[in-house]
Amino acid sequence: MILHRGYHMLPRLTCLAGLVLCLVLSGTAQRKEVIGYFPSWKWRMEKNALTPEKIPYEKLTIINYAFFYPRPDGTISGRDSVGDALYLSGAPGTRLTDLAHRRNVKVLLSLGGWEDSNNFPAVAADPATRSTFAHACVDAVRRYGFDGIDIDWE
């Protein structure tokens, strides 16, 4: 039997590769996501409202802004126009996305929810409305500075 040069190193290299893989996977497995929902209608609670300035960002990794909903034609709309204007389109530095991003917290647009999922089946079933929905989601992400969307189809 003829052994090639370096063959005796194969078991050591295999062991080393296994250890590196274990270290990489153990670091990934310990990362936890802490997600909180921020409802657009919170402004109505006035002095007791949890405003973007009062959010304990250090305890969160993601905030889901709740809620927008799909319309039958595939467009999307916010649940509370006053809250949406206040929290998403307010003065720079006061918007939810600005404050969260400064603290390395992602903000997702949450679509649907308990009362607002009724149009999902029809929107998803039709290619034209599905395309409109996808474009509306991308537009909202870009317009308000979201990091993505959360579909809460109940």
C-alpha atoms as a PDB file:
ATOM      1  CA  MET A   1       0.000   0.000   0.000  1.00  0.00           C
ATOM      2  CA  ILE A   2       1.413   3.383  -1.023  1.00  0.00           C
ATOM      3  CA  LEU A   3       0.454   6.451   1.034  1.00  0.00           C
ATOM      4  CA  HIS A   4       0.519   9.886  -0.514  1.00  0.00           C
ATOM      5  CA  ARG A   5       2.396  12.676   1.219  1.00  0.00           C
ATOM      6  CA  GLY A   6       0.216  14.439   3.790  1.00  0.00           C
ATOM      7  CA  TYR A   7      -2.237  11.555   4.106  1.00  0.00           C
ATOM      8  CA  HIS A   8      -1.378  11.198   7.798  1.00  0.00           C
ATOM      9  CA  MET A   9      -2.663  14.779   8.314  1.00  0.00           C
ATOM     10  CA  LEU A  10      -6.185  13.972   7.050  1.00  0.00           C
ATOM     11  CA  PRO A  11      -7.587  12.851  10.447  1.00  0.00           C
ATOM     12  CA  ARG A  12      -6.186  15.973  12.115  1.00  0.00           C
ATOM     13  CA  LEU A  13      -7.600  18.289   9.448  1.00  0.00           C
ATOM     14  CA  THR A  14     -10.993  16.578   9.653  1.00  0.00           C
ATOM     15  CA  CYS A  15     -11.009  17.019  13.429  1.00  0.00           C
ATOM     16  CA  LEU A  16      -9.971  20.671  13.115  1.00  0.00           C
ATOM     17  CA  ALA A  17     -12.694  21.346  10.515  1.00  0.00           C
ATOM     18  CA  GLY A  18     -15.262  19.738  12.828  1.00  0.00           C
ATOM     19  CA  LEU A  19     -14.198  21.939  15.744  1.00  0.00           C
ATOM     20  CA  VAL A  20     -14.398  25.095  13.628  1.00  0.00           C
ATOM     21  CA  LEU A  21     -17.867  24.100  12.424  1.00  0.00           C
ATOM     22  CA  CYS A  22     -19.004  23.512  16.027  1.00  0.00           C
ATOM     23  CA  LEU A  23     -17.734  26.937  17.079  1.00  0.00           C
ATOM     24  CA  VAL A  24     -19.492  28.666  14.195  1.00  0.00           C
ATOM     25  CA  LEU A  25     -22.774  26.860  14.804  1.00  0.00           C
ATOM     26  CA  SER A  26     -22.698  27.390  18.572  1.00  0.00           C
ATOM     27  CA  GLY A  27     -22.267  31.142  18.091  1.00  0.00           C
ATOM     28  CA  THR A  28     -25.219  31.229  15.712  1.00  0.00           C
ATOM     29  CA  ALA A  29     -27.482  29.110  17.909  1.00  0.00           C
ATOM     30  CA  GLN A  30     -27.137  31.424  20.912  1.00  0.00           C
ATOM     31  CA  ARG A  31     -28.351  34.533  19.111  1.00  0.00           C
ATOM     32  CA  LYS A  32     -31.870  35.353  20.244  1.00  0.00           C
ATOM     33  CA  GLU A  33     -34.332  37.684  18.584  1.00  0.00           C
ATOM     34  CA  VAL A  34     -36.598  39.729  20.846  1.00  0.00           C
ATOM     35  CA  ILE A  35     -39.533  41.123  18.887  1.00  0.00           C
ATOM     36  CA  GLY A  36     -42.054  43.667  20.115  1.00  0.00           C
ATOM     37  CA  TYR A  37     -45.146  45.081  18.422  1.00  0.00           C
ATOM     38  CA  PHE A  38     -45.676  48.835  18.316  1.00  0.00           C
ATOM     39  CA  PRO A  39     -49.354  49.618  17.579  1.00  0.00           C
ATOM     40  CA  SER A  40     -50.118  52.648  15.431  1.00  0.00           C
ATOM     41  CA  TRP A  41     -53.078  53.620  17.608  1.00  0.00           C
ATOM     42  CA  LYS A  42     -50.990  54.159  20.786  1.00  0.00           C
ATOM     43  CA  TRP A  43     -51.072  57.941  20.323  1.00  0.00           C
ATOM     44  CA  ARG A  44     -54.696  57.866  21.542  1.00  0.00           C
ATOM     45  CA  MET A  45     -53.550  57.009  25.057  1.00  0.00           C
ATOM     46  CA  GLU A  46     -52.124  60.549  25.223  1.00  0.00           C
ATOM     47  CA  LYS A  47     -49.955  61.134  28.324  1.00  0.00           C
ATOM     48  CA  ASN A  48     -49.606  57.404  29.064  1.00  0.00           C
ATOM     49  CA  ALA A  49     -48.742  56.535  25.476  1.00  0.00           C
ATOM     50  CA  LEU A  50     -45.673  54.483  24.715  1.00  0.00           C
ATOM     51  CA  THR A  51     -44.050  56.777  22.184  1.00  0.00           C
ATOM     52  CA  PRO A  52     -41.015  55.900  20.052  1.00  0.00           C
ATOM     53  CA  GLU A  53     -38.887  57.983  22.438  1.00  0.00           C
ATOM     54  CA  LYS A  54     -39.914  55.772  25.405  1.00  0.00           C
ATOM     55  CA  ILE A  55     -39.320  52.352  23.822  1.00  0.00           C
ATOM     56  CA  PRO A  56     -36.663  50.309  25.673  1.00  0.00           C
ATOM     57  CA  TYR A  57     -34.670  49.647  22.484  1.00  0.00           C
ATOM     58  CA  GLU A  58     -31.843  47.939  24.376  1.00  0.00           C
ATOM     59  CA  LYS A  59     -34.233  45.059  25.136  1.00  0.00           C
ATOM     60  CA  LEU A  60     -35.321  44.503  21.523  1.00  0.00           C
ATOM     61  CA  THR A  61     -33.824  43.315  18.259  1.00  0.00           C
ATOM     62  CA  ILE A  62     -36.901  43.878  16.069  1.00  0.00           C
ATOM     63  CA  ILE A  63     -40.005  46.066  16.308  1.00  0.00           C
ATOM     64  CA  ASN A  64     -43.065  45.138  14.250  1.00  0.00           C
ATOM     65  CA  TYR A  65     -45.068  48.256  13.418  1.00  0.00           C
ATOM     66  CA  ALA A  66     -48.715  47.213  13.634  1.00  0.00           C
ATOM     67  CA  PHE A  67     -50.723  47.238  11.482  1.00  0.00           C
ATOM     68  CA  PHE A  68     -51.219  47.848   7.795  1.00  0.00           C
ATOM     69  CA  TYR A  69     -53.698  45.688   5.909  1.00  0.00           C
ATOM     70  CA  PRO A  70     -54.206  44.496   2.328  1.00  0.00           C
ATOM     71  CA  ARG A  71     -57.088  45.974   0.377  1.00  0.00           C
ATOM     72  CA  PRO A  72     -59.030  43.816  -2.113  1.00  0.00           C
ATOM     73  CA  ASP A  73     -57.160  45.407  -5.050  1.00  0.00           C
ATOM     74  CA  GLY A  74     -53.751  44.470  -3.583  1.00  0.00           C
ATOM     75  CA  THR A  75     -52.810  47.916  -2.307  1.00  0.00           C
ATOM     76  CA  ILE A  76     -52.084  48.321   1.398  1.00  0.00           C
ATOM     77  CA  SER A  77     -53.304  50.846   3.918  1.00  0.00           C
ATOM     78  CA  GLY A  78     -52.499  51.787   7.486  1.00  0.00           C
ATOM     79  CA  ARG A  79     -54.938  51.117  10.280  1.00  0.00           C
ATOM     80  CA  ASP A  80     -54.646  54.578  11.866  1.00  0.00           C
ATOM     81  CA  SER A  81     -53.813  57.538   9.616  1.00  0.00           C
ATOM     82  CA  VAL A  82     -53.010  59.864  12.539  1.00  0.00           C
ATOM     83  CA  GLY A  83     -50.693  57.345  14.200  1.00  0.00           C
ATOM     84  CA  ASP A  84     -49.051  56.465  10.891  1.00  0.00           C
ATOM     85  CA  ALA A  85     -48.374  60.130  10.135  1.00  0.00           C
ATOM     86  CA  LEU A  86     -47.051  60.735  13.645  1.00  0.00           C
ATOM     87  CA  TYR A  87     -44.806  57.673  13.950  1.00  0.00           C
ATOM     88  CA  LEU A  88     -43.753  57.082  10.331  1.00  0.00           C
ATOM     89  CA  SER A  89     -43.792  60.490   8.638  1.00  0.00           C
ATOM     90  CA  GLY A  90     -43.037  62.824  11.527  1.00  0.00           C
ATOM     91  CA  ALA A  91     -40.089  65.153  11.792  1.00  0.00           C
ATOM     92  CA  PRO A  92     -36.703  63.544  11.139  1.00  0.00           C
ATOM     93  CA  GLY A  93     -35.287  62.165  14.362  1.00  0.00           C
ATOM     94  CA  THR A  94     -38.717  61.500  15.852  1.00  0.00           C
ATOM     95  CA  ARG A  95     -39.836  58.723  13.493  1.00  0.00           C
ATOM     96  CA  LEU A  96     -39.948  55.207  14.878  1.00  0.00           C
ATOM     97  CA  THR A  97     -37.601  53.879  12.198  1.00  0.00           C
ATOM     98  CA  ASP A  98     -35.024  56.640  12.806  1.00  0.00           C
ATOM     99  CA  LEU A  99     -34.944  56.086  16.565  1.00  0.00           C
ATOM    100  CA  ALA A 100     -34.791  52.300  16.271  1.00  0.00           C
ATOM    101  CA  HIS A 101     -32.064  52.310  13.627  1.00  0.00           C
ATOM    102  CA  ARG A 102     -29.884  54.579  15.776  1.00  0.00           C
ATOM    103  CA  ARG A 103     -29.958  51.799  18.368  1.00  0.00           C
ATOM    104  CA  ASN A 104     -29.411  48.980  15.838  1.00  0.00           C
ATOM    105  CA  VAL A 105     -32.983  47.714  16.117  1.00  0.00           C
ATOM    106  CA  LYS A 106     -34.780  46.629  12.950  1.00  0.00           C
ATOM    107  CA  VAL A 107     -38.336  47.764  12.232  1.00  0.00           C
ATOM    108  CA  LEU A 108     -40.691  45.621  10.159  1.00  0.00           C
ATOM    109  CA  LEU A 109     -44.066  46.620   8.754  1.00  0.00           C
ATOM    110  CA  SER A 110     -46.604  44.140  10.102  1.00  0.00           C
ATOM    111  CA  LEU A 111     -49.434  43.425   7.671  1.00  0.00           C
ATOM    112  CA  GLY A 112     -52.711  41.788   8.580  1.00  0.00           C
ATOM    113  CA  GLY A 113     -53.488  40.749  12.110  1.00  0.00           C
ATOM    114  CA  TRP A 114     -56.637  39.581  13.779  1.00  0.00           C
ATOM    115  CA  GLU A 115     -59.173  41.839  12.046  1.00  0.00           C
ATOM    116  CA  ASP A 116     -57.140  42.708   8.970  1.00  0.00           C
ATOM    117  CA  SER A 117     -56.406  39.360   7.297  1.00  0.00           C
ATOM    118  CA  ASN A 118     -59.702  38.953   5.448  1.00  0.00           C
ATOM    119  CA  ASN A 119     -58.353  40.105   2.075  1.00  0.00           C
ATOM    120  CA  PHE A 120     -55.212  37.936   2.055  1.00  0.00           C
ATOM    121  CA  PRO A 121     -56.828  34.898   0.352  1.00  0.00           C
ATOM    122  CA  ALA A 122     -58.210  36.908  -2.583  1.00  0.00           C
ATOM    123  CA  VAL A 123     -55.023  38.961  -2.969  1.00  0.00           C
ATOM    124  CA  ALA A 124     -52.851  35.830  -2.931  1.00  0.00           C
ATOM    125  CA  ALA A 125     -55.080  33.932  -5.375  1.00  0.00           C
ATOM    126  CA  ASP A 126     -54.915  36.457  -8.220  1.00  0.00           C
ATOM    127  CA  PRO A 127     -51.597  37.110 -10.015  1.00  0.00           C
ATOM    128  CA  ALA A 128     -52.441  40.764 -10.734  1.00  0.00           C
ATOM    129  CA  THR A 129     -53.451  41.668  -7.176  1.00  0.00           C
ATOM    130  CA  ARG A 130     -50.538  39.620  -5.814  1.00  0.00           C
ATOM    131  CA  SER A 131     -48.163  41.706  -7.945  1.00  0.00           C
ATOM    132  CA  THR A 132     -49.843  44.933  -6.810  1.00  0.00           C
ATOM    133  CA  PHE A 133     -49.499  43.773  -3.203  1.00  0.00           C
ATOM    134  CA  ALA A 134     -45.791  42.987  -3.609  1.00  0.00           C
ATOM    135  CA  HIS A 135     -45.125  46.385  -5.193  1.00  0.00           C
ATOM    136  CA  ALA A 136     -47.125  48.147  -2.455  1.00  0.00           C
ATOM    137  CA  CYS A 137     -45.071  46.376   0.229  1.00  0.00           C
ATOM    138  CA  VAL A 138     -41.776  47.361  -1.416  1.00  0.00           C
ATOM    139  CA  ASP A 139     -43.011  50.945  -1.770  1.00  0.00           C
ATOM    140  CA  ALA A 140     -43.956  51.132   1.940  1.00  0.00           C
ATOM    141  CA  VAL A 141     -40.596  49.667   3.006  1.00  0.00           C
ATOM    142  CA  ARG A 142     -38.758  52.282   0.955  1.00  0.00           C
ATOM    143  CA  ARG A 143     -41.013  55.210   1.852  1.00  0.00           C
ATOM    144  CA  TYR A 144     -40.932  54.710   5.615  1.00  0.00           C
ATOM    145  CA  GLY A 145     -37.487  53.137   6.040  1.00  0.00           C
ATOM    146  CA  PHE A 146     -38.632  49.703   7.202  1.00  0.00           C
ATOM    147  CA  ASP A 147     -36.210  46.793   7.167  1.00  0.00           C
ATOM    148  CA  GLY A 148     -38.807  44.380   5.788  1.00  0.00           C
ATOM    149  CA  ILE A 149     -42.328  43.118   6.338  1.00  0.00           C
ATOM    150  CA  ASP A 150     -44.042  40.711   8.710  1.00  0.00           C
ATOM    151  CA  ILE A 151     -47.135  39.045   7.258  1.00  0.00           C
ATOM    152  CA  ASP A 152     -49.583  38.242  10.048  1.00  0.00           C
ATOM    153  CA  TRP A 153     -52.147  36.228   8.067  1.00  0.00           C
ATOM    154  CA  GLU A 154     -54.624  34.873  10.607  1.00  0.00           C
END
